[in-house]
Amino acid sequence: MTANRQDAWAQEDDLLLAETVLRHIREGSTQLAAFEETAEKLSRTSAACGFRWNSTIRKKYEAEVALAKKKRAAKKREQAKTKAKVGTTSDNAVMQRATEEKAVPASNNIELADVIAFLQGLKEQQHSQAEAKQLQEENERLKQELEKIKKEKQVIADDYRALLEIMERARKWTNTDGEGNV
């Protein structure tokens, strides 16, 4: 018989945590607020809920999180449209001026998370390009060093052969009686 930990997470607890976090994401709230809400319901700390979400559950719900973020963005766009229709002309003028100052079209659907991800990818790409350039330079340097070593080896091999020939002639010369007789 296996003993369960008293503080072990049950499948129902994981499901409650996931549903609460996804609801908070859809509504534009923070995950921290979701952790606090779930912690109160499960008699746990919000830190424990956050750890469980980040270490285990979030991986299982990646598609749902992405969908919840899209719904949140759509809800924000809809609220902005409604506010623009209901708002006074001065509100519209302020929004238009702010949009013009930022040089971002009002219909742009780009989220901050998308911009951050793009910039991080760009940074990684630049880092990879710089690293590739550094590796190419090191490769060139090593090729030049290898050529230098090959030339030095050839000089040593030629000198060695010459030395062997001199030694062979000296050996033959010492084996003769001076007149070429052995």
N, C-alpha and C. Protein backbone atom coordinates (compact mmCIF):
# COMPACT_ATOMS: atom_id res chain seq x y z
N MET A 1 0.84 -1.17 0.00
CA MET A 1 0.00 0.00 0.00
C MET A 1 0.89 1.24 0.00
N THR A 2 0.65 2.15 -0.93
CA THR A 2 1.48 3.35 -1.01
C THR A 2 0.86 4.45 -0.17
N ALA A 3 1.71 5.17 0.51
CA ALA A 3 1.23 6.27 1.35
C ALA A 3 1.26 7.56 0.55
N ASN A 4 0.16 8.28 0.51
CA ASN A 4 0.12 9.57 -0.17
C ASN A 4 0.58 10.66 0.78
N ARG A 5 1.31 11.61 0.23
CA ARG A 5 1.70 12.75 1.06
C ARG A 5 0.45 13.52 1.42
N GLN A 6 0.48 14.09 2.60
CA GLN A 6 -0.68 14.84 3.04
C GLN A 6 -0.89 16.09 2.17
N ASP A 7 0.21 16.63 1.67
CA ASP A 7 0.12 17.86 0.87
C ASP A 7 0.21 17.59 -0.63
N ALA A 8 0.04 16.34 -1.04
CA ALA A 8 0.14 16.00 -2.45
C ALA A 8 -0.98 16.67 -3.24
N TRP A 9 -0.68 16.95 -4.49
CA TRP A 9 -1.66 17.61 -5.35
C TRP A 9 -2.54 16.54 -6.00
N ALA A 10 -3.82 16.68 -5.82
CA ALA A 10 -4.78 15.77 -6.46
C ALA A 10 -5.07 16.29 -7.86
N GLN A 11 -5.59 15.42 -8.69
CA GLN A 11 -5.93 15.80 -10.05
C GLN A 11 -6.98 16.93 -10.06
N GLU A 12 -7.89 16.88 -9.11
CA GLU A 12 -8.91 17.92 -9.00
C GLU A 12 -8.29 19.27 -8.65
N ASP A 13 -7.24 19.23 -7.80
CA ASP A 13 -6.54 20.46 -7.43
C ASP A 13 -5.85 21.06 -8.65
N ASP A 14 -5.20 20.21 -9.42
CA ASP A 14 -4.54 20.68 -10.64
C ASP A 14 -5.55 21.28 -11.61
N LEU A 15 -6.69 20.62 -11.75
CA LEU A 15 -7.73 21.10 -12.65
C LEU A 15 -8.28 22.45 -12.19
N LEU A 16 -8.52 22.59 -10.89
CA LEU A 16 -9.00 23.86 -10.36
C LEU A 16 -7.98 24.97 -10.61
N LEU A 17 -6.73 24.67 -10.36
CA LEU A 17 -5.67 25.66 -10.59
C LEU A 17 -5.61 26.07 -12.06
N ALA A 18 -5.64 25.09 -12.95
CA ALA A 18 -5.58 25.38 -14.38
C ALA A 18 -6.78 26.21 -14.83
N GLU A 19 -7.98 25.83 -14.42
CA GLU A 19 -9.18 26.57 -14.82
C GLU A 19 -9.14 28.00 -14.29
N THR A 20 -8.68 28.17 -13.06
CA THR A 20 -8.62 29.50 -12.47
C THR A 20 -7.60 30.38 -13.19
N VAL A 21 -6.44 29.83 -13.47
CA VAL A 21 -5.40 30.61 -14.17
C VAL A 21 -5.88 30.98 -15.57
N LEU A 22 -6.45 30.04 -16.28
CA LEU A 22 -6.94 30.32 -17.64
C LEU A 22 -8.04 31.38 -17.62
N ARG A 23 -8.93 31.31 -16.63
CA ARG A 23 -9.99 32.32 -16.53
C ARG A 23 -9.38 33.70 -16.27
N HIS A 24 -8.41 33.76 -15.40
CA HIS A 24 -7.78 35.04 -15.11
C HIS A 24 -7.05 35.59 -16.34
N ILE A 25 -6.42 34.73 -17.09
CA ILE A 25 -5.74 35.18 -18.32
C ILE A 25 -6.78 35.74 -19.29
N ARG A 26 -7.88 35.00 -19.50
CA ARG A 26 -8.93 35.46 -20.43
C ARG A 26 -9.51 36.80 -20.01
N GLU A 27 -9.65 37.00 -18.71
CA GLU A 27 -10.27 38.22 -18.21
C GLU A 27 -9.29 39.38 -18.12
N GLY A 28 -8.03 39.12 -18.39
CA GLY A 28 -7.04 40.20 -18.34
C GLY A 28 -6.44 40.40 -16.97
N SER A 29 -6.69 39.48 -16.08
CA SER A 29 -6.13 39.55 -14.73
C SER A 29 -4.74 38.91 -14.73
N THR A 30 -4.10 38.92 -13.59
CA THR A 30 -2.75 38.35 -13.50
C THR A 30 -2.79 36.91 -13.02
N GLN A 31 -1.74 36.20 -13.31
CA GLN A 31 -1.63 34.83 -12.82
C GLN A 31 -1.47 34.83 -11.30
N LEU A 32 -0.82 35.86 -10.78
CA LEU A 32 -0.65 35.96 -9.34
C LEU A 32 -2.01 36.01 -8.64
N ALA A 33 -2.95 36.76 -9.22
CA ALA A 33 -4.29 36.81 -8.66
C ALA A 33 -4.95 35.44 -8.71
N ALA A 34 -4.69 34.71 -9.79
CA ALA A 34 -5.24 33.36 -9.91
C ALA A 34 -4.63 32.43 -8.86
N PHE A 35 -3.33 32.57 -8.63
CA PHE A 35 -2.67 31.74 -7.61
C PHE A 35 -3.25 32.04 -6.22
N GLU A 36 -3.50 33.32 -5.94
CA GLU A 36 -4.05 33.70 -4.64
C GLU A 36 -5.46 33.15 -4.47
N GLU A 37 -6.26 33.24 -5.53
CA GLU A 37 -7.64 32.73 -5.46
C GLU A 37 -7.62 31.22 -5.23
N THR A 38 -6.79 30.52 -5.99
CA THR A 38 -6.72 29.06 -5.86
C THR A 38 -6.16 28.67 -4.49
N ALA A 39 -5.18 29.40 -4.02
CA ALA A 39 -4.58 29.10 -2.72
C ALA A 39 -5.63 29.17 -1.62
N GLU A 40 -6.49 30.16 -1.71
CA GLU A 40 -7.54 30.31 -0.70
C GLU A 40 -8.51 29.12 -0.75
N LYS A 41 -8.85 28.68 -1.94
CA LYS A 41 -9.79 27.56 -2.09
C LYS A 41 -9.18 26.23 -1.65
N LEU A 42 -7.87 26.07 -1.87
CA LEU A 42 -7.23 24.78 -1.57
C LEU A 42 -6.47 24.78 -0.24
N SER A 43 -6.52 25.89 0.47
CA SER A 43 -5.78 26.03 1.74
C SER A 43 -4.29 25.77 1.53
N ARG A 44 -3.76 26.43 0.54
CA ARG A 44 -2.33 26.37 0.24
C ARG A 44 -1.82 27.80 0.11
N THR A 45 -0.53 27.94 -0.06
CA THR A 45 0.01 29.28 -0.27
C THR A 45 -0.05 29.60 -1.75
N SER A 46 -0.08 30.90 -2.07
CA SER A 46 -0.08 31.30 -3.48
C SER A 46 1.24 30.90 -4.12
N ALA A 47 2.32 30.88 -3.34
CA ALA A 47 3.62 30.45 -3.87
C ALA A 47 3.59 28.98 -4.28
N ALA A 48 2.93 28.16 -3.46
CA ALA A 48 2.81 26.73 -3.79
C ALA A 48 2.02 26.56 -5.08
N CYS A 49 0.96 27.35 -5.22
CA CYS A 49 0.14 27.27 -6.44
C CYS A 49 0.95 27.74 -7.65
N GLY A 50 1.69 28.83 -7.49
CA GLY A 50 2.53 29.33 -8.58
C GLY A 50 3.59 28.32 -8.98
N PHE A 51 4.20 27.70 -7.98
CA PHE A 51 5.22 26.70 -8.29
C PHE A 51 4.61 25.51 -9.03
N ARG A 52 3.47 25.05 -8.56
CA ARG A 52 2.81 23.90 -9.21
C ARG A 52 2.44 24.25 -10.66
N TRP A 53 1.92 25.46 -10.86
CA TRP A 53 1.55 25.89 -12.20
C TRP A 53 2.77 25.92 -13.11
N ASN A 54 3.82 26.57 -12.66
CA ASN A 54 5.00 26.75 -13.51
C ASN A 54 5.82 25.48 -13.70
N SER A 55 5.82 24.60 -12.71
CA SER A 55 6.65 23.40 -12.82
C SER A 55 5.95 22.24 -13.52
N THR A 56 4.64 22.17 -13.42
CA THR A 56 3.95 20.98 -13.93
C THR A 56 2.79 21.29 -14.86
N ILE A 57 1.86 22.08 -14.39
CA ILE A 57 0.58 22.19 -15.08
C ILE A 57 0.67 23.01 -16.37
N ARG A 58 1.40 24.12 -16.34
CA ARG A 58 1.46 25.03 -17.50
C ARG A 58 1.87 24.28 -18.77
N LYS A 59 2.77 23.33 -18.64
CA LYS A 59 3.25 22.56 -19.81
C LYS A 59 2.12 21.77 -20.47
N LYS A 60 1.17 21.33 -19.65
CA LYS A 60 0.05 20.53 -20.17
C LYS A 60 -1.01 21.41 -20.82
N TYR A 61 -0.99 22.71 -20.52
CA TYR A 61 -2.05 23.60 -20.98
C TYR A 61 -1.52 24.71 -21.88
N GLU A 62 -0.43 24.48 -22.58
CA GLU A 62 0.16 25.54 -23.42
C GLU A 62 -0.82 26.03 -24.49
N ALA A 63 -1.51 25.12 -25.13
CA ALA A 63 -2.46 25.52 -26.18
C ALA A 63 -3.61 26.33 -25.59
N GLU A 64 -4.10 25.90 -24.42
CA GLU A 64 -5.19 26.61 -23.78
C GLU A 64 -4.75 28.01 -23.33
N VAL A 65 -3.52 28.13 -22.86
CA VAL A 65 -2.99 29.44 -22.45
C VAL A 65 -2.93 30.36 -23.66
N ALA A 66 -2.42 29.85 -24.77
CA ALA A 66 -2.34 30.67 -25.99
C ALA A 66 -3.74 31.11 -26.42
N LEU A 67 -4.70 30.21 -26.37
CA LEU A 67 -6.07 30.54 -26.73
C LEU A 67 -6.65 31.59 -25.77
N ALA A 68 -6.38 31.43 -24.48
CA ALA A 68 -6.88 32.40 -23.49
C ALA A 68 -6.28 33.77 -23.73
N LYS A 69 -5.01 33.83 -24.12
CA LYS A 69 -4.37 35.12 -24.41
C LYS A 69 -4.99 35.76 -25.65
N LYS A 70 -5.33 34.93 -26.64
CA LYS A 70 -5.99 35.47 -27.83
C LYS A 70 -7.37 36.02 -27.48
N LYS A 71 -8.10 35.29 -26.64
CA LYS A 71 -9.42 35.76 -26.22
C LYS A 71 -9.30 37.06 -25.43
N ARG A 72 -8.28 37.16 -24.58
CA ARG A 72 -8.06 38.39 -23.82
C ARG A 72 -7.80 39.56 -24.76
N ALA A 73 -6.96 39.33 -25.78
CA ALA A 73 -6.64 40.39 -26.74
C ALA A 73 -7.90 40.79 -27.51
N ALA A 74 -8.69 39.81 -27.90
CA ALA A 74 -9.93 40.12 -28.62
C ALA A 74 -10.89 40.91 -27.73
N LYS A 75 -10.96 40.52 -26.47
CA LYS A 75 -11.83 41.23 -25.52
C LYS A 75 -11.36 42.66 -25.33
N LYS A 76 -10.05 42.88 -25.24
CA LYS A 76 -9.52 44.23 -25.10
C LYS A 76 -9.82 45.07 -26.34
N ARG A 77 -9.67 44.47 -27.52
CA ARG A 77 -9.99 45.19 -28.75
C ARG A 77 -11.47 45.57 -28.80
N GLU A 78 -12.32 44.63 -28.41
CA GLU A 78 -13.76 44.90 -28.40
C GLU A 78 -14.10 46.00 -27.41
N GLN A 79 -13.46 45.97 -26.24
CA GLN A 79 -13.70 47.01 -25.25
C GLN A 79 -13.22 48.37 -25.76
N ALA A 80 -12.09 48.36 -26.44
CA ALA A 80 -11.58 49.62 -26.99
C ALA A 80 -12.53 50.16 -28.05
N LYS A 81 -13.07 49.28 -28.89
CA LYS A 81 -14.03 49.72 -29.91
C LYS A 81 -15.28 50.28 -29.25
N THR A 82 -15.79 49.59 -28.25
CA THR A 82 -16.99 50.04 -27.55
C THR A 82 -16.73 51.38 -26.88
N LYS A 83 -15.60 51.50 -26.23
CA LYS A 83 -15.24 52.75 -25.56
C LYS A 83 -15.11 53.88 -26.58
N ALA A 84 -14.54 53.59 -27.72
CA ALA A 84 -14.38 54.61 -28.75
C ALA A 84 -15.73 55.07 -29.27
N LYS A 85 -16.69 54.14 -29.40
CA LYS A 85 -18.03 54.51 -29.88
C LYS A 85 -18.77 55.32 -28.84
N VAL A 86 -18.67 54.93 -27.57
CA VAL A 86 -19.41 55.57 -26.50
C VAL A 86 -18.72 56.85 -26.04
N GLY A 87 -17.40 56.88 -26.12
CA GLY A 87 -16.63 58.01 -25.62
C GLY A 87 -16.94 59.30 -26.35
N THR A 88 -16.59 60.40 -25.73
CA THR A 88 -16.81 61.71 -26.35
C THR A 88 -15.80 61.93 -27.45
N THR A 89 -16.02 62.96 -28.22
CA THR A 89 -15.10 63.26 -29.31
C THR A 89 -13.73 63.64 -28.77
N SER A 90 -13.68 64.23 -27.58
CA SER A 90 -12.37 64.57 -27.01
C SER A 90 -11.60 63.30 -26.66
N ASP A 91 -12.31 62.28 -26.15
CA ASP A 91 -11.66 61.00 -25.89
C ASP A 91 -11.11 60.40 -27.18
N ASN A 92 -11.90 60.48 -28.24
CA ASN A 92 -11.46 59.97 -29.53
C ASN A 92 -10.23 60.74 -30.02
N ALA A 93 -10.24 62.03 -29.83
CA ALA A 93 -9.11 62.85 -30.25
C ALA A 93 -7.86 62.48 -29.46
N VAL A 94 -8.03 62.25 -28.15
CA VAL A 94 -6.89 61.85 -27.31
C VAL A 94 -6.34 60.51 -27.77
N MET A 95 -7.24 59.55 -28.03
CA MET A 95 -6.80 58.23 -28.49
C MET A 95 -6.09 58.34 -29.84
N GLN A 96 -6.65 59.15 -30.72
CA GLN A 96 -6.04 59.30 -32.04
C GLN A 96 -4.67 59.94 -31.93
N ARG A 97 -4.55 60.98 -31.08
CA ARG A 97 -3.27 61.65 -30.89
C ARG A 97 -2.24 60.67 -30.30
N ALA A 98 -2.67 59.89 -29.32
CA ALA A 98 -1.76 58.92 -28.70
C ALA A 98 -1.32 57.89 -29.72
N THR A 99 -2.25 57.45 -30.55
CA THR A 99 -1.92 56.47 -31.59
C THR A 99 -0.93 57.06 -32.58
N GLU A 100 -1.16 58.32 -32.99
CA GLU A 100 -0.26 58.96 -33.94
C GLU A 100 1.13 59.15 -33.35
N GLU A 101 1.18 59.51 -32.05
CA GLU A 101 2.47 59.71 -31.39
C GLU A 101 3.26 58.42 -31.35
N LYS A 102 2.57 57.33 -31.13
CA LYS A 102 3.24 56.03 -31.06
C LYS A 102 3.53 55.47 -32.45
N ALA A 103 2.93 56.05 -33.45
CA ALA A 103 3.09 55.61 -34.83
C ALA A 103 2.66 54.16 -34.99
N VAL A 104 1.61 53.77 -34.27
CA VAL A 104 1.07 52.42 -34.37
C VAL A 104 -0.38 52.53 -34.80
N PRO A 105 -0.77 51.87 -35.86
CA PRO A 105 -2.16 51.94 -36.29
C PRO A 105 -3.09 51.38 -35.23
N ALA A 106 -4.29 51.97 -35.10
CA ALA A 106 -5.25 51.55 -34.09
C ALA A 106 -5.72 50.12 -34.32
N SER A 107 -5.67 49.64 -35.55
CA SER A 107 -6.14 48.29 -35.85
C SER A 107 -5.06 47.24 -35.67
N ASN A 108 -3.89 47.63 -35.21
CA ASN A 108 -2.78 46.70 -35.05
C ASN A 108 -3.09 45.71 -33.92
N ASN A 109 -2.92 44.41 -34.18
CA ASN A 109 -3.24 43.38 -33.21
C ASN A 109 -2.01 42.83 -32.49
N ILE A 110 -0.92 43.55 -32.53
CA ILE A 110 0.32 43.06 -31.93
C ILE A 110 0.24 43.24 -30.42
N GLU A 111 0.60 42.19 -29.70
CA GLU A 111 0.63 42.25 -28.25
C GLU A 111 2.06 42.48 -27.79
N LEU A 112 2.20 42.99 -26.59
CA LEU A 112 3.52 43.25 -26.02
C LEU A 112 4.33 41.96 -25.93
N ALA A 113 3.68 40.87 -25.56
CA ALA A 113 4.39 39.59 -25.46
C ALA A 113 4.95 39.17 -26.82
N ASP A 114 4.20 39.44 -27.90
CA ASP A 114 4.67 39.12 -29.24
C ASP A 114 5.89 39.96 -29.61
N VAL A 115 5.84 41.25 -29.24
CA VAL A 115 6.96 42.15 -29.53
C VAL A 115 8.20 41.69 -28.76
N ILE A 116 8.00 41.35 -27.49
CA ILE A 116 9.13 40.89 -26.66
C ILE A 116 9.72 39.62 -27.24
N ALA A 117 8.86 38.69 -27.61
CA ALA A 117 9.34 37.42 -28.19
C ALA A 117 10.10 37.68 -29.49
N PHE A 118 9.58 38.59 -30.31
CA PHE A 118 10.25 38.92 -31.57
C PHE A 118 11.62 39.52 -31.30
N LEU A 119 11.69 40.47 -30.37
CA LEU A 119 12.96 41.12 -30.05
C LEU A 119 13.97 40.14 -29.45
N GLN A 120 13.47 39.23 -28.62
CA GLN A 120 14.37 38.21 -28.05
C GLN A 120 14.90 37.30 -29.16
N GLY A 121 14.03 36.93 -30.09
CA GLY A 121 14.47 36.11 -31.22
C GLY A 121 15.48 36.85 -32.07
N LEU A 122 15.25 38.13 -32.29
CA LEU A 122 16.18 38.95 -33.05
C LEU A 122 17.53 39.04 -32.35
N LYS A 123 17.48 39.22 -31.04
CA LYS A 123 18.72 39.29 -30.25
C LYS A 123 19.48 37.97 -30.34
N GLU A 124 18.77 36.86 -30.22
CA GLU A 124 19.40 35.54 -30.32
C GLU A 124 19.99 35.34 -31.71
N GLN A 125 19.28 35.81 -32.74
CA GLN A 125 19.77 35.67 -34.11
C GLN A 125 21.05 36.49 -34.29
N GLN A 126 21.06 37.72 -33.77
CA GLN A 126 22.26 38.54 -33.87
C GLN A 126 23.40 37.91 -33.09
N HIS A 127 23.07 37.35 -31.92
CA HIS A 127 24.11 36.68 -31.13
C HIS A 127 24.65 35.48 -31.90
N SER A 128 23.76 34.73 -32.54
CA SER A 128 24.19 33.57 -33.33
C SER A 128 25.06 34.00 -34.51
N GLN A 129 24.67 35.11 -35.15
CA GLN A 129 25.48 35.61 -36.27
C GLN A 129 26.85 36.06 -35.80
N ALA A 130 26.90 36.74 -34.67
CA ALA A 130 28.19 37.19 -34.12
C ALA A 130 29.04 35.99 -33.74
N GLU A 131 28.40 34.98 -33.16
CA GLU A 131 29.12 33.77 -32.78
C GLU A 131 29.63 33.04 -34.02
N ALA A 132 28.81 32.99 -35.07
CA ALA A 132 29.23 32.34 -36.32
C ALA A 132 30.42 33.08 -36.93
N LYS A 133 30.38 34.40 -36.92
CA LYS A 133 31.49 35.20 -37.45
C LYS A 133 32.75 34.95 -36.65
N GLN A 134 32.60 34.90 -35.33
CA GLN A 134 33.75 34.63 -34.47
C GLN A 134 34.33 33.24 -34.76
N LEU A 135 33.46 32.26 -34.95
CA LEU A 135 33.92 30.91 -35.26
C LEU A 135 34.61 30.85 -36.62
N GLN A 136 34.10 31.61 -37.61
CA GLN A 136 34.74 31.65 -38.93
C GLN A 136 36.13 32.26 -38.83
N GLU A 137 36.25 33.33 -38.04
CA GLU A 137 37.55 33.96 -37.86
C GLU A 137 38.53 33.00 -37.18
N GLU A 138 38.05 32.30 -36.16
CA GLU A 138 38.91 31.34 -35.47
C GLU A 138 39.29 30.20 -36.41
N ASN A 139 38.35 29.77 -37.25
CA ASN A 139 38.63 28.72 -38.23
C ASN A 139 39.73 29.17 -39.20
N GLU A 140 39.63 30.40 -39.69
CA GLU A 140 40.66 30.94 -40.60
C GLU A 140 42.02 30.98 -39.92
N ARG A 141 42.03 31.44 -38.66
CA ARG A 141 43.28 31.52 -37.92
C ARG A 141 43.89 30.14 -37.75
N LEU A 142 43.06 29.16 -37.43
CA LEU A 142 43.55 27.80 -37.24
C LEU A 142 44.04 27.19 -38.56
N LYS A 143 43.38 27.52 -39.68
CA LYS A 143 43.85 27.05 -40.98
C LYS A 143 45.23 27.60 -41.29
N GLN A 144 45.42 28.90 -41.01
CA GLN A 144 46.73 29.51 -41.26
C GLN A 144 47.79 28.89 -40.37
N GLU A 145 47.44 28.64 -39.12
CA GLU A 145 48.37 28.01 -38.19
C GLU A 145 48.72 26.60 -38.66
N LEU A 146 47.74 25.87 -39.16
CA LEU A 146 47.97 24.52 -39.66
C LEU A 146 48.91 24.55 -40.87
N GLU A 147 48.69 25.49 -41.79
CA GLU A 147 49.58 25.61 -42.95
C GLU A 147 51.01 25.90 -42.52
N LYS A 148 51.17 26.77 -41.55
CA LYS A 148 52.49 27.11 -41.04
C LYS A 148 53.17 25.87 -40.45
N ILE A 149 52.41 25.11 -39.68
CA ILE A 149 52.96 23.89 -39.07
C ILE A 149 53.31 22.86 -40.14
N LYS A 150 52.48 22.74 -41.18
CA LYS A 150 52.78 21.81 -42.27
C LYS A 150 54.08 22.18 -42.97
N LYS A 151 54.29 23.49 -43.21
CA LYS A 151 55.53 23.95 -43.86
C LYS A 151 56.73 23.66 -42.98
N GLU A 152 56.59 23.93 -41.68
CA GLU A 152 57.68 23.65 -40.74
C GLU A 152 58.00 22.15 -40.72
N LYS A 153 56.96 21.32 -40.74
CA LYS A 153 57.16 19.87 -40.75
C LYS A 153 57.90 19.44 -42.01
N GLN A 154 57.53 20.04 -43.14
CA GLN A 154 58.19 19.69 -44.40
C GLN A 154 59.66 20.08 -44.36
N VAL A 155 59.97 21.25 -43.80
CA VAL A 155 61.37 21.69 -43.67
C VAL A 155 62.13 20.72 -42.79
N ILE A 156 61.53 20.32 -41.66
CA ILE A 156 62.19 19.37 -40.76
C ILE A 156 62.40 18.04 -41.46
N ALA A 157 61.39 17.56 -42.21
CA ALA A 157 61.52 16.29 -42.92
C ALA A 157 62.63 16.37 -43.97
N ASP A 158 62.70 17.50 -44.70
CA ASP A 158 63.77 17.67 -45.70
C ASP A 158 65.14 17.70 -45.03
N ASP A 159 65.26 18.42 -43.92
CA ASP A 159 66.53 18.47 -43.17
C ASP A 159 66.91 17.09 -42.66
N TYR A 160 65.93 16.33 -42.20
CA TYR A 160 66.19 14.99 -41.69
C TYR A 160 66.72 14.08 -42.80
N ARG A 161 66.08 14.15 -43.98
CA ARG A 161 66.55 13.35 -45.12
C ARG A 161 67.97 13.76 -45.50
N ALA A 162 68.24 15.04 -45.52
CA ALA A 162 69.59 15.52 -45.86
C ALA A 162 70.60 15.02 -44.84
N LEU A 163 70.23 15.05 -43.57
CA LEU A 163 71.12 14.56 -42.53
C LEU A 163 71.39 13.07 -42.70
N LEU A 164 70.34 12.31 -43.02
CA LEU A 164 70.53 10.87 -43.24
C LEU A 164 71.45 10.61 -44.42
N GLU A 165 71.31 11.38 -45.50
CA GLU A 165 72.19 11.22 -46.66
C GLU A 165 73.63 11.53 -46.29
N ILE A 166 73.84 12.60 -45.52
CA ILE A 166 75.20 12.95 -45.09
C ILE A 166 75.78 11.84 -44.22
N MET A 167 74.97 11.31 -43.31
CA MET A 167 75.44 10.24 -42.44
C MET A 167 75.75 8.98 -43.25
N GLU A 168 74.93 8.71 -44.25
CA GLU A 168 75.17 7.52 -45.10
C GLU A 168 76.47 7.69 -45.86
N ARG A 169 76.73 8.89 -46.40
CA ARG A 169 77.99 9.14 -47.10
C ARG A 169 79.18 9.03 -46.16
N ALA A 170 79.01 9.54 -44.94
CA ALA A 170 80.10 9.47 -43.96
C ALA A 170 80.37 8.03 -43.58
N ARG A 171 79.32 7.24 -43.44
CA ARG A 171 79.50 5.82 -43.11
C ARG A 171 80.24 5.11 -44.23
N LYS A 172 79.84 5.38 -45.46
CA LYS A 172 80.51 4.75 -46.60
C LYS A 172 81.96 5.21 -46.67
N TRP A 173 82.21 6.45 -46.39
CA TRP A 173 83.55 6.99 -46.46
C TRP A 173 84.47 6.37 -45.40
N THR A 174 83.89 6.11 -44.20
CA THR A 174 84.71 5.51 -43.15
C THR A 174 84.94 4.05 -43.41
N ASN A 175 84.12 3.41 -44.22
CA ASN A 175 84.30 1.99 -44.53
C ASN A 175 85.26 1.77 -45.68
N THR A 176 85.67 2.82 -46.32
CA THR A 176 86.62 2.68 -47.42
C THR A 176 88.01 3.06 -46.92
N ASP A 177 89.02 2.67 -47.67
CA ASP A 177 90.39 2.94 -47.25
C ASP A 177 90.91 4.26 -47.81
N GLY A 178 90.04 5.11 -48.23
CA GLY A 178 90.47 6.40 -48.73
C GLY A 178 90.53 6.42 -50.24
N GLU A 179 90.68 5.27 -50.87
CA GLU A 179 90.78 5.22 -52.33
C GLU A 179 89.57 4.54 -52.94
N GLY A 180 88.58 4.34 -52.16
CA GLY A 180 87.38 3.74 -52.69
C GLY A 180 87.38 2.23 -52.50
N ASN A 181 88.43 1.64 -51.87
CA ASN A 181 88.45 0.21 -51.64
C ASN A 181 87.82 -0.11 -50.28
N VAL A 182 87.10 -1.16 -50.28
CA VAL A 182 86.45 -1.55 -49.05
C VAL A 182 87.30 -2.51 -48.29
